[in-house]
Amino acid sequence: MPGSDELVALYDRAGQVTGQAPRSRVRAEGLWHAAGVVLVRSGDGRSVYVHLRTPDKDVFPSTWDCWAGGVVAAGETPAECARRELAEELGVHGVEPQPLFTKIYDQGTVHCHNFAYEVRWDGPIHHQPEEIAEGHWMPLDELRTWVFDPTSPFIPDGREGVQEWFRRYG
């Protein structure tokens, strides 16, 4: 959650848990960590839920994203993180995220193992106002065009993740 200094699980470059540190230290020192991220697709699979991150996010503020997710807390598994973040950010409960792949993001001061999951959902979406400014459903073909356009205002690690998703599944 923005502004909090919870303990985050630390990972090594190979993807193994090595300890924990406050979120502020992870960000300030660019420490390796992990995130659980969930692609929310409509029940028919033709659309993905995209959302605009709030301007006060601690990393990549005011960018669009198609992954609900966040950092893996100390003592938490990536799957537990994915379920928690899906419920917190979008209010999606009662569906089990299905594992997809792990995408390493290693750019600038962000060094993260993004454990990617997917759910199908046709229920209501309830934004966490501290994290999400707005959102809507986007057809897959529009999303593909958007994320492969380097000028679109899309979150960098999310862009790499969904491009990988399109290479594998789309």
N, C-alpha and C. Protein backbone atom coordinates (compact mmCIF):
# COMPACT_ATOMS: atom_id res chain seq x y z
N MET A 1 0.85 -1.19 0.00
CA MET A 1 0.00 0.00 0.00
C MET A 1 0.88 1.24 0.00
N PRO A 2 0.56 2.26 -0.79
CA PRO A 2 1.40 3.44 -0.86
C PRO A 2 1.60 4.07 0.51
N GLY A 3 2.82 4.50 0.76
CA GLY A 3 3.11 5.20 1.99
C GLY A 3 3.44 4.28 3.15
N SER A 4 3.17 3.00 3.01
CA SER A 4 3.45 2.09 4.12
C SER A 4 4.90 1.61 4.00
N ASP A 5 5.42 1.09 5.08
CA ASP A 5 6.78 0.58 5.07
C ASP A 5 6.79 -0.86 5.58
N GLU A 6 5.92 -1.66 4.96
CA GLU A 6 5.83 -3.06 5.36
C GLU A 6 7.10 -3.81 5.02
N LEU A 7 7.27 -4.96 5.63
CA LEU A 7 8.42 -5.80 5.33
C LEU A 7 8.16 -6.56 4.04
N VAL A 8 9.12 -6.48 3.15
CA VAL A 8 9.05 -7.10 1.83
C VAL A 8 10.01 -8.27 1.80
N ALA A 9 9.60 -9.35 1.14
CA ALA A 9 10.49 -10.49 0.96
C ALA A 9 11.60 -10.12 -0.02
N LEU A 10 12.84 -10.38 0.34
CA LEU A 10 13.97 -10.17 -0.56
C LEU A 10 14.26 -11.46 -1.30
N TYR A 11 14.65 -11.30 -2.56
CA TYR A 11 14.98 -12.43 -3.42
C TYR A 11 16.38 -12.20 -3.96
N ASP A 12 17.02 -13.27 -4.42
CA ASP A 12 18.27 -13.09 -5.14
C ASP A 12 17.95 -13.07 -6.63
N ARG A 13 18.97 -12.83 -7.44
CA ARG A 13 18.77 -12.74 -8.89
C ARG A 13 18.20 -14.03 -9.48
N ALA A 14 18.48 -15.16 -8.82
CA ALA A 14 18.00 -16.46 -9.30
C ALA A 14 16.55 -16.75 -8.90
N GLY A 15 15.95 -15.88 -8.07
CA GLY A 15 14.56 -16.07 -7.70
C GLY A 15 14.32 -16.79 -6.40
N GLN A 16 15.34 -16.88 -5.55
CA GLN A 16 15.20 -17.53 -4.26
C GLN A 16 15.05 -16.49 -3.16
N VAL A 17 14.18 -16.77 -2.18
CA VAL A 17 14.00 -15.87 -1.04
C VAL A 17 15.27 -15.86 -0.21
N THR A 18 15.73 -14.64 0.13
CA THR A 18 16.98 -14.51 0.89
C THR A 18 16.81 -13.76 2.20
N GLY A 19 15.65 -13.17 2.45
CA GLY A 19 15.46 -12.41 3.67
C GLY A 19 14.31 -11.45 3.54
N GLN A 20 14.38 -10.35 4.27
CA GLN A 20 13.33 -9.35 4.24
C GLN A 20 13.92 -7.98 4.53
N ALA A 21 13.21 -6.96 4.12
CA ALA A 21 13.63 -5.58 4.36
C ALA A 21 12.40 -4.68 4.27
N PRO A 22 12.45 -3.51 4.90
CA PRO A 22 11.35 -2.57 4.74
C PRO A 22 11.23 -2.13 3.27
N ARG A 23 10.00 -1.90 2.84
CA ARG A 23 9.74 -1.48 1.46
C ARG A 23 10.58 -0.26 1.08
N SER A 24 10.73 0.69 2.00
CA SER A 24 11.50 1.91 1.70
C SER A 24 12.94 1.56 1.35
N ARG A 25 13.51 0.60 2.01
CA ARG A 25 14.89 0.19 1.72
C ARG A 25 14.97 -0.53 0.38
N VAL A 26 13.99 -1.37 0.10
CA VAL A 26 13.94 -2.07 -1.20
C VAL A 26 13.94 -1.05 -2.33
N ARG A 27 13.10 -0.01 -2.21
CA ARG A 27 13.02 1.02 -3.25
C ARG A 27 14.29 1.87 -3.30
N ALA A 28 14.78 2.31 -2.14
CA ALA A 28 15.95 3.21 -2.10
C ALA A 28 17.22 2.54 -2.59
N GLU A 29 17.39 1.25 -2.28
CA GLU A 29 18.62 0.55 -2.63
C GLU A 29 18.48 -0.33 -3.88
N GLY A 30 17.29 -0.38 -4.45
CA GLY A 30 17.08 -1.21 -5.64
C GLY A 30 17.31 -2.69 -5.38
N LEU A 31 16.81 -3.18 -4.25
CA LEU A 31 17.03 -4.58 -3.88
C LEU A 31 16.12 -5.51 -4.68
N TRP A 32 16.63 -6.72 -4.93
CA TRP A 32 15.84 -7.73 -5.61
C TRP A 32 14.67 -8.13 -4.72
N HIS A 33 13.49 -8.20 -5.32
CA HIS A 33 12.28 -8.59 -4.62
C HIS A 33 11.37 -9.30 -5.63
N ALA A 34 10.13 -9.54 -5.24
CA ALA A 34 9.18 -10.21 -6.13
C ALA A 34 7.82 -9.55 -6.02
N ALA A 35 7.00 -9.81 -7.03
CA ALA A 35 5.62 -9.33 -7.04
C ALA A 35 4.72 -10.46 -7.52
N GLY A 36 3.51 -10.46 -7.02
CA GLY A 36 2.46 -11.31 -7.55
C GLY A 36 1.56 -10.43 -8.39
N VAL A 37 1.42 -10.75 -9.68
CA VAL A 37 0.64 -9.92 -10.60
C VAL A 37 -0.41 -10.78 -11.30
N VAL A 38 -1.61 -10.23 -11.45
CA VAL A 38 -2.74 -11.00 -11.98
C VAL A 38 -3.36 -10.29 -13.17
N LEU A 39 -3.45 -10.99 -14.28
CA LEU A 39 -4.16 -10.51 -15.46
C LEU A 39 -5.63 -10.90 -15.30
N VAL A 40 -6.51 -9.92 -15.30
CA VAL A 40 -7.94 -10.19 -15.12
C VAL A 40 -8.60 -10.14 -16.50
N ARG A 41 -9.04 -11.32 -16.95
CA ARG A 41 -9.72 -11.41 -18.25
C ARG A 41 -11.20 -11.62 -18.04
N SER A 42 -11.98 -11.16 -18.98
CA SER A 42 -13.43 -11.37 -18.93
C SER A 42 -13.69 -12.88 -19.03
N GLY A 43 -14.88 -13.28 -18.63
CA GLY A 43 -15.23 -14.70 -18.66
C GLY A 43 -15.05 -15.34 -20.02
N ASP A 44 -15.33 -14.60 -21.09
CA ASP A 44 -15.17 -15.14 -22.44
C ASP A 44 -13.72 -15.02 -22.93
N GLY A 45 -12.86 -14.38 -22.15
CA GLY A 45 -11.44 -14.27 -22.50
C GLY A 45 -11.11 -13.22 -23.53
N ARG A 46 -12.08 -12.46 -23.99
CA ARG A 46 -11.85 -11.51 -25.09
C ARG A 46 -11.35 -10.14 -24.64
N SER A 47 -11.48 -9.84 -23.34
CA SER A 47 -11.09 -8.52 -22.83
C SER A 47 -10.25 -8.68 -21.57
N VAL A 48 -9.48 -7.63 -21.29
CA VAL A 48 -8.64 -7.56 -20.10
C VAL A 48 -8.99 -6.28 -19.36
N TYR A 49 -8.96 -6.33 -18.05
CA TYR A 49 -9.21 -5.13 -17.26
C TYR A 49 -7.93 -4.32 -17.16
N VAL A 50 -7.97 -3.06 -17.57
CA VAL A 50 -6.83 -2.16 -17.49
C VAL A 50 -7.17 -1.04 -16.52
N HIS A 51 -6.15 -0.51 -15.86
CA HIS A 51 -6.39 0.54 -14.88
C HIS A 51 -5.24 1.54 -14.86
N LEU A 52 -5.57 2.75 -14.44
CA LEU A 52 -4.61 3.83 -14.32
C LEU A 52 -4.15 3.91 -12.87
N ARG A 53 -2.84 3.81 -12.66
CA ARG A 53 -2.27 3.91 -11.32
C ARG A 53 -2.36 5.36 -10.83
N THR A 54 -2.52 5.52 -9.54
CA THR A 54 -2.62 6.86 -8.96
C THR A 54 -1.28 7.59 -9.06
N PRO A 55 -1.32 8.93 -9.00
CA PRO A 55 -0.09 9.71 -9.14
C PRO A 55 0.86 9.61 -7.95
N ASP A 56 0.40 9.06 -6.84
CA ASP A 56 1.28 8.96 -5.66
C ASP A 56 1.86 7.57 -5.43
N LYS A 57 1.75 6.69 -6.42
CA LYS A 57 2.38 5.37 -6.30
C LYS A 57 3.90 5.55 -6.17
N ASP A 58 4.54 4.65 -5.41
CA ASP A 58 5.98 4.80 -5.17
C ASP A 58 6.84 4.39 -6.36
N VAL A 59 6.28 3.68 -7.30
CA VAL A 59 7.00 3.32 -8.51
C VAL A 59 6.02 3.37 -9.69
N PHE A 60 6.47 3.93 -10.79
CA PHE A 60 5.67 4.07 -12.02
C PHE A 60 4.29 4.70 -11.77
N PRO A 61 4.23 5.88 -11.15
CA PRO A 61 2.94 6.54 -10.92
C PRO A 61 2.30 7.00 -12.23
N SER A 62 0.99 7.14 -12.20
CA SER A 62 0.20 7.69 -13.31
C SER A 62 0.46 6.98 -14.63
N THR A 63 0.62 5.68 -14.59
CA THR A 63 0.76 4.88 -15.81
C THR A 63 -0.37 3.86 -15.84
N TRP A 64 -0.68 3.40 -17.04
CA TRP A 64 -1.70 2.37 -17.21
C TRP A 64 -1.08 1.00 -16.99
N ASP A 65 -1.90 0.07 -16.53
CA ASP A 65 -1.44 -1.29 -16.24
C ASP A 65 -2.59 -2.25 -16.51
N CYS A 66 -2.25 -3.49 -16.79
CA CYS A 66 -3.27 -4.53 -16.95
C CYS A 66 -3.08 -5.65 -15.93
N TRP A 67 -2.17 -5.45 -14.99
CA TRP A 67 -1.89 -6.44 -13.95
C TRP A 67 -2.29 -5.87 -12.60
N ALA A 68 -3.15 -6.56 -11.88
CA ALA A 68 -3.39 -6.23 -10.47
C ALA A 68 -2.27 -6.90 -9.71
N GLY A 69 -1.60 -6.18 -8.84
CA GLY A 69 -0.52 -6.84 -8.12
C GLY A 69 0.30 -5.92 -7.27
N GLY A 70 1.27 -6.52 -6.62
CA GLY A 70 2.14 -5.77 -5.75
C GLY A 70 3.25 -6.65 -5.22
N VAL A 71 4.08 -6.06 -4.36
CA VAL A 71 5.25 -6.77 -3.85
C VAL A 71 4.85 -7.88 -2.90
N VAL A 72 5.64 -8.94 -2.93
CA VAL A 72 5.45 -10.08 -2.04
C VAL A 72 5.95 -9.67 -0.66
N ALA A 73 5.08 -9.77 0.33
CA ALA A 73 5.43 -9.41 1.70
C ALA A 73 6.30 -10.50 2.32
N ALA A 74 7.04 -10.13 3.34
CA ALA A 74 7.85 -11.10 4.07
C ALA A 74 6.94 -12.21 4.59
N GLY A 75 7.34 -13.46 4.37
CA GLY A 75 6.57 -14.61 4.82
C GLY A 75 5.41 -14.99 3.93
N GLU A 76 5.23 -14.32 2.82
CA GLU A 76 4.12 -14.55 1.91
C GLU A 76 4.64 -15.23 0.65
N THR A 77 3.86 -16.12 0.06
CA THR A 77 4.22 -16.72 -1.22
C THR A 77 3.72 -15.81 -2.34
N PRO A 78 4.28 -15.93 -3.54
CA PRO A 78 3.76 -15.15 -4.66
C PRO A 78 2.27 -15.40 -4.92
N ALA A 79 1.81 -16.64 -4.76
CA ALA A 79 0.39 -16.94 -4.98
C ALA A 79 -0.48 -16.25 -3.93
N GLU A 80 -0.04 -16.25 -2.69
CA GLU A 80 -0.78 -15.54 -1.64
C GLU A 80 -0.82 -14.05 -1.93
N CYS A 81 0.29 -13.52 -2.38
CA CYS A 81 0.36 -12.11 -2.75
C CYS A 81 -0.62 -11.80 -3.88
N ALA A 82 -0.65 -12.65 -4.90
CA ALA A 82 -1.54 -12.44 -6.04
C ALA A 82 -3.00 -12.39 -5.59
N ARG A 83 -3.40 -13.33 -4.74
CA ARG A 83 -4.78 -13.34 -4.25
C ARG A 83 -5.08 -12.08 -3.43
N ARG A 84 -4.15 -11.71 -2.56
CA ARG A 84 -4.34 -10.54 -1.71
C ARG A 84 -4.47 -9.27 -2.55
N GLU A 85 -3.55 -9.09 -3.49
CA GLU A 85 -3.55 -7.87 -4.31
C GLU A 85 -4.78 -7.80 -5.20
N LEU A 86 -5.23 -8.91 -5.74
CA LEU A 86 -6.43 -8.95 -6.57
C LEU A 86 -7.63 -8.47 -5.77
N ALA A 87 -7.73 -8.93 -4.53
CA ALA A 87 -8.84 -8.52 -3.66
C ALA A 87 -8.71 -7.06 -3.26
N GLU A 88 -7.50 -6.63 -2.88
CA GLU A 88 -7.30 -5.26 -2.42
C GLU A 88 -7.51 -4.24 -3.54
N GLU A 89 -6.87 -4.46 -4.68
CA GLU A 89 -6.88 -3.45 -5.74
C GLU A 89 -8.18 -3.41 -6.54
N LEU A 90 -8.75 -4.59 -6.82
CA LEU A 90 -9.92 -4.64 -7.70
C LEU A 90 -11.17 -5.20 -7.03
N GLY A 91 -11.06 -5.65 -5.79
CA GLY A 91 -12.21 -6.21 -5.10
C GLY A 91 -12.67 -7.54 -5.64
N VAL A 92 -11.76 -8.27 -6.28
CA VAL A 92 -12.10 -9.57 -6.88
C VAL A 92 -11.81 -10.66 -5.86
N HIS A 93 -12.85 -11.40 -5.50
CA HIS A 93 -12.74 -12.48 -4.52
C HIS A 93 -13.36 -13.76 -5.09
N GLY A 94 -12.95 -14.89 -4.54
CA GLY A 94 -13.61 -16.15 -4.86
C GLY A 94 -13.16 -16.82 -6.13
N VAL A 95 -12.08 -16.35 -6.74
CA VAL A 95 -11.49 -17.03 -7.91
C VAL A 95 -10.03 -17.30 -7.59
N GLU A 96 -9.54 -18.41 -8.06
CA GLU A 96 -8.15 -18.79 -7.79
C GLU A 96 -7.27 -18.41 -8.98
N PRO A 97 -6.30 -17.51 -8.76
CA PRO A 97 -5.39 -17.16 -9.85
C PRO A 97 -4.60 -18.38 -10.34
N GLN A 98 -4.56 -18.54 -11.65
CA GLN A 98 -3.83 -19.64 -12.27
C GLN A 98 -2.44 -19.17 -12.67
N PRO A 99 -1.39 -19.92 -12.26
CA PRO A 99 -0.03 -19.48 -12.59
C PRO A 99 0.25 -19.50 -14.09
N LEU A 100 0.99 -18.50 -14.55
CA LEU A 100 1.36 -18.39 -15.96
C LEU A 100 2.86 -18.56 -16.16
N PHE A 101 3.65 -17.63 -15.63
CA PHE A 101 5.10 -17.62 -15.83
C PHE A 101 5.69 -16.61 -14.86
N THR A 102 7.00 -16.58 -14.79
CA THR A 102 7.71 -15.56 -14.02
C THR A 102 8.50 -14.72 -15.00
N LYS A 103 8.32 -13.42 -14.92
CA LYS A 103 9.01 -12.48 -15.81
C LYS A 103 9.93 -11.61 -14.97
N ILE A 104 11.20 -11.66 -15.25
CA ILE A 104 12.16 -10.83 -14.53
C ILE A 104 12.16 -9.44 -15.12
N TYR A 105 12.05 -8.44 -14.25
CA TYR A 105 12.18 -7.05 -14.66
C TYR A 105 13.41 -6.51 -13.97
N ASP A 106 14.41 -6.10 -14.75
CA ASP A 106 15.70 -5.66 -14.22
C ASP A 106 16.14 -4.42 -14.98
N GLN A 107 15.52 -3.29 -14.61
CA GLN A 107 15.79 -2.02 -15.29
C GLN A 107 15.98 -0.93 -14.25
N GLY A 108 16.99 -0.10 -14.42
CA GLY A 108 17.21 1.01 -13.50
C GLY A 108 17.38 0.52 -12.08
N THR A 109 16.54 1.03 -11.19
CA THR A 109 16.62 0.63 -9.78
C THR A 109 15.55 -0.39 -9.40
N VAL A 110 14.83 -0.91 -10.38
CA VAL A 110 13.80 -1.92 -10.10
C VAL A 110 14.31 -3.28 -10.55
N HIS A 111 14.43 -4.18 -9.57
CA HIS A 111 14.93 -5.54 -9.82
C HIS A 111 13.92 -6.50 -9.19
N CYS A 112 13.06 -7.08 -10.04
CA CYS A 112 11.90 -7.80 -9.52
C CYS A 112 11.59 -9.06 -10.32
N HIS A 113 11.19 -10.09 -9.61
CA HIS A 113 10.65 -11.31 -10.21
C HIS A 113 9.13 -11.15 -10.18
N ASN A 114 8.51 -10.98 -11.34
CA ASN A 114 7.06 -10.84 -11.41
C ASN A 114 6.44 -12.21 -11.67
N PHE A 115 5.82 -12.75 -10.63
CA PHE A 115 5.13 -14.04 -10.73
C PHE A 115 3.74 -13.75 -11.29
N ALA A 116 3.51 -14.13 -12.55
CA ALA A 116 2.29 -13.78 -13.27
C ALA A 116 1.23 -14.87 -13.15
N TYR A 117 0.00 -14.41 -12.94
CA TYR A 117 -1.18 -15.27 -12.82
C TYR A 117 -2.29 -14.71 -13.69
N GLU A 118 -3.35 -15.49 -13.83
CA GLU A 118 -4.51 -15.05 -14.60
C GLU A 118 -5.78 -15.54 -13.93
N VAL A 119 -6.84 -14.72 -14.02
CA VAL A 119 -8.18 -15.13 -13.62
C VAL A 119 -9.16 -14.72 -14.71
N ARG A 120 -10.29 -15.41 -14.73
CA ARG A 120 -11.43 -14.99 -15.55
C ARG A 120 -12.47 -14.44 -14.58
N TRP A 121 -13.04 -13.28 -14.93
CA TRP A 121 -13.94 -12.60 -14.00
C TRP A 121 -14.97 -11.77 -14.75
N ASP A 122 -16.23 -11.95 -14.40
CA ASP A 122 -17.30 -11.13 -14.96
C ASP A 122 -18.07 -10.37 -13.88
N GLY A 123 -17.58 -10.47 -12.65
CA GLY A 123 -18.24 -9.80 -11.54
C GLY A 123 -17.87 -8.33 -11.45
N PRO A 124 -18.33 -7.70 -10.38
CA PRO A 124 -18.05 -6.27 -10.21
C PRO A 124 -16.58 -6.01 -9.91
N ILE A 125 -16.12 -4.84 -10.28
CA ILE A 125 -14.77 -4.36 -9.98
C ILE A 125 -14.91 -3.19 -9.01
N HIS A 126 -14.15 -3.23 -7.93
CA HIS A 126 -14.16 -2.15 -6.93
C HIS A 126 -12.72 -1.69 -6.73
N HIS A 127 -12.40 -0.51 -7.24
CA HIS A 127 -11.03 0.02 -7.15
C HIS A 127 -10.66 0.40 -5.73
N GLN A 128 -9.41 0.13 -5.40
CA GLN A 128 -8.82 0.67 -4.17
C GLN A 128 -8.39 2.09 -4.52
N PRO A 129 -9.01 3.11 -3.94
CA PRO A 129 -8.75 4.49 -4.40
C PRO A 129 -7.31 4.96 -4.19
N GLU A 130 -6.59 4.40 -3.23
CA GLU A 130 -5.19 4.78 -3.03
C GLU A 130 -4.28 4.26 -4.14
N GLU A 131 -4.74 3.25 -4.87
CA GLU A 131 -3.90 2.60 -5.86
C GLU A 131 -4.35 2.84 -7.31
N ILE A 132 -5.66 2.96 -7.50
CA ILE A 132 -6.21 3.00 -8.86
C ILE A 132 -7.09 4.23 -9.04
N ALA A 133 -6.77 5.01 -10.07
CA ALA A 133 -7.52 6.23 -10.36
C ALA A 133 -8.77 5.94 -11.20
N GLU A 134 -8.65 5.00 -12.14
CA GLU A 134 -9.77 4.62 -13.01
C GLU A 134 -9.42 3.32 -13.72
N GLY A 135 -10.42 2.72 -14.35
CA GLY A 135 -10.17 1.49 -15.09
C GLY A 135 -11.34 1.12 -15.98
N HIS A 136 -11.09 0.18 -16.91
CA HIS A 136 -12.13 -0.28 -17.82
C HIS A 136 -11.67 -1.57 -18.52
N TRP A 137 -12.63 -2.24 -19.15
CA TRP A 137 -12.32 -3.43 -19.94
C TRP A 137 -11.81 -3.01 -21.31
N MET A 138 -10.79 -3.72 -21.80
CA MET A 138 -10.21 -3.43 -23.11
C MET A 138 -10.12 -4.74 -23.90
N PRO A 139 -10.63 -4.75 -25.14
CA PRO A 139 -10.49 -5.94 -25.97
C PRO A 139 -9.02 -6.30 -26.18
N LEU A 140 -8.74 -7.59 -26.28
CA LEU A 140 -7.36 -8.06 -26.42
C LEU A 140 -6.63 -7.45 -27.62
N ASP A 141 -7.32 -7.29 -28.75
CA ASP A 141 -6.64 -6.73 -29.92
C ASP A 141 -6.21 -5.28 -29.68
N GLU A 142 -7.03 -4.51 -28.96
CA GLU A 142 -6.65 -3.13 -28.63
C GLU A 142 -5.48 -3.11 -27.65
N LEU A 143 -5.53 -4.01 -26.67
CA LEU A 143 -4.44 -4.09 -25.70
C LEU A 143 -3.13 -4.44 -26.40
N ARG A 144 -3.18 -5.39 -27.32
CA ARG A 144 -1.97 -5.78 -28.06
C ARG A 144 -1.38 -4.57 -28.79
N THR A 145 -2.21 -3.81 -29.49
CA THR A 145 -1.74 -2.62 -30.21
C THR A 145 -1.12 -1.62 -29.23
N TRP A 146 -1.79 -1.42 -28.12
CA TRP A 146 -1.35 -0.43 -27.13
C TRP A 146 -0.01 -0.80 -26.52
N VAL A 147 0.16 -2.05 -26.09
CA VAL A 147 1.39 -2.41 -25.37
C VAL A 147 2.60 -2.60 -26.29
N PHE A 148 2.35 -2.81 -27.57
CA PHE A 148 3.48 -2.90 -28.49
C PHE A 148 3.83 -1.55 -29.11
N ASP A 149 3.10 -0.50 -28.71
CA ASP A 149 3.42 0.87 -29.11
C ASP A 149 4.27 1.48 -28.00
N PRO A 150 5.57 1.70 -28.25
CA PRO A 150 6.45 2.18 -27.18
C PRO A 150 6.12 3.58 -26.66
N THR A 151 5.25 4.32 -27.36
CA THR A 151 4.90 5.65 -26.89
C THR A 151 3.68 5.66 -25.98
N SER A 152 3.00 4.53 -25.83
CA SER A 152 1.81 4.50 -24.97
C SER A 152 2.22 4.61 -23.50
N PRO A 153 1.39 5.26 -22.70
CA PRO A 153 1.71 5.49 -21.28
C PRO A 153 1.44 4.25 -20.43
N PHE A 154 2.16 3.17 -20.72
CA PHE A 154 1.94 1.89 -20.04
C PHE A 154 3.11 1.59 -19.12
N ILE A 155 2.83 1.04 -17.96
CA ILE A 155 3.84 0.72 -16.97
C ILE A 155 4.91 -0.20 -17.59
N PRO A 156 6.20 0.11 -17.43
CA PRO A 156 7.24 -0.65 -18.13
C PRO A 156 7.27 -2.15 -17.80
N ASP A 157 7.22 -2.52 -16.53
CA ASP A 157 7.28 -3.95 -16.22
C ASP A 157 6.00 -4.67 -16.63
N GLY A 158 4.87 -3.98 -16.53
CA GLY A 158 3.61 -4.56 -16.99
C GLY A 158 3.58 -4.74 -18.49
N ARG A 159 4.19 -3.78 -19.21
CA ARG A 159 4.27 -3.88 -20.66
C ARG A 159 5.07 -5.13 -21.05
N GLU A 160 6.24 -5.32 -20.41
CA GLU A 160 7.05 -6.50 -20.71
C GLU A 160 6.28 -7.78 -20.38
N GLY A 161 5.56 -7.75 -19.26
CA GLY A 161 4.81 -8.94 -18.85
C GLY A 161 3.70 -9.30 -19.81
N VAL A 162 2.92 -8.31 -20.25
CA VAL A 162 1.82 -8.62 -21.16
C VAL A 162 2.33 -8.92 -22.57
N GLN A 163 3.45 -8.33 -22.96
CA GLN A 163 4.05 -8.73 -24.24
C GLN A 163 4.45 -10.20 -24.18
N GLU A 164 5.00 -10.63 -23.05
CA GLU A 164 5.33 -12.05 -22.89
C GLU A 164 4.08 -12.89 -22.92
N TRP A 165 3.01 -12.43 -22.29
CA TRP A 165 1.74 -13.16 -22.31
C TRP A 165 1.25 -13.33 -23.76
N PHE A 166 1.30 -12.25 -24.54
CA PHE A 166 0.88 -12.34 -25.94
C PHE A 166 1.76 -13.32 -26.72
N ARG A 167 3.06 -13.33 -26.47
CA ARG A 167 3.96 -14.27 -27.16
C ARG A 167 3.59 -15.72 -26.82
N ARG A 168 3.23 -15.97 -25.60
CA ARG A 168 2.94 -17.34 -25.14
C ARG A 168 1.53 -17.79 -25.41
N TYR A 169 0.55 -16.90 -25.20
CA TYR A 169 -0.85 -17.33 -25.20
C TYR A 169 -1.75 -16.61 -26.19
N GLY A 170 -1.34 -15.44 -26.66
CA GLY A 170 -2.26 -14.63 -27.44
C GLY A 170 -1.97 -14.65 -28.90
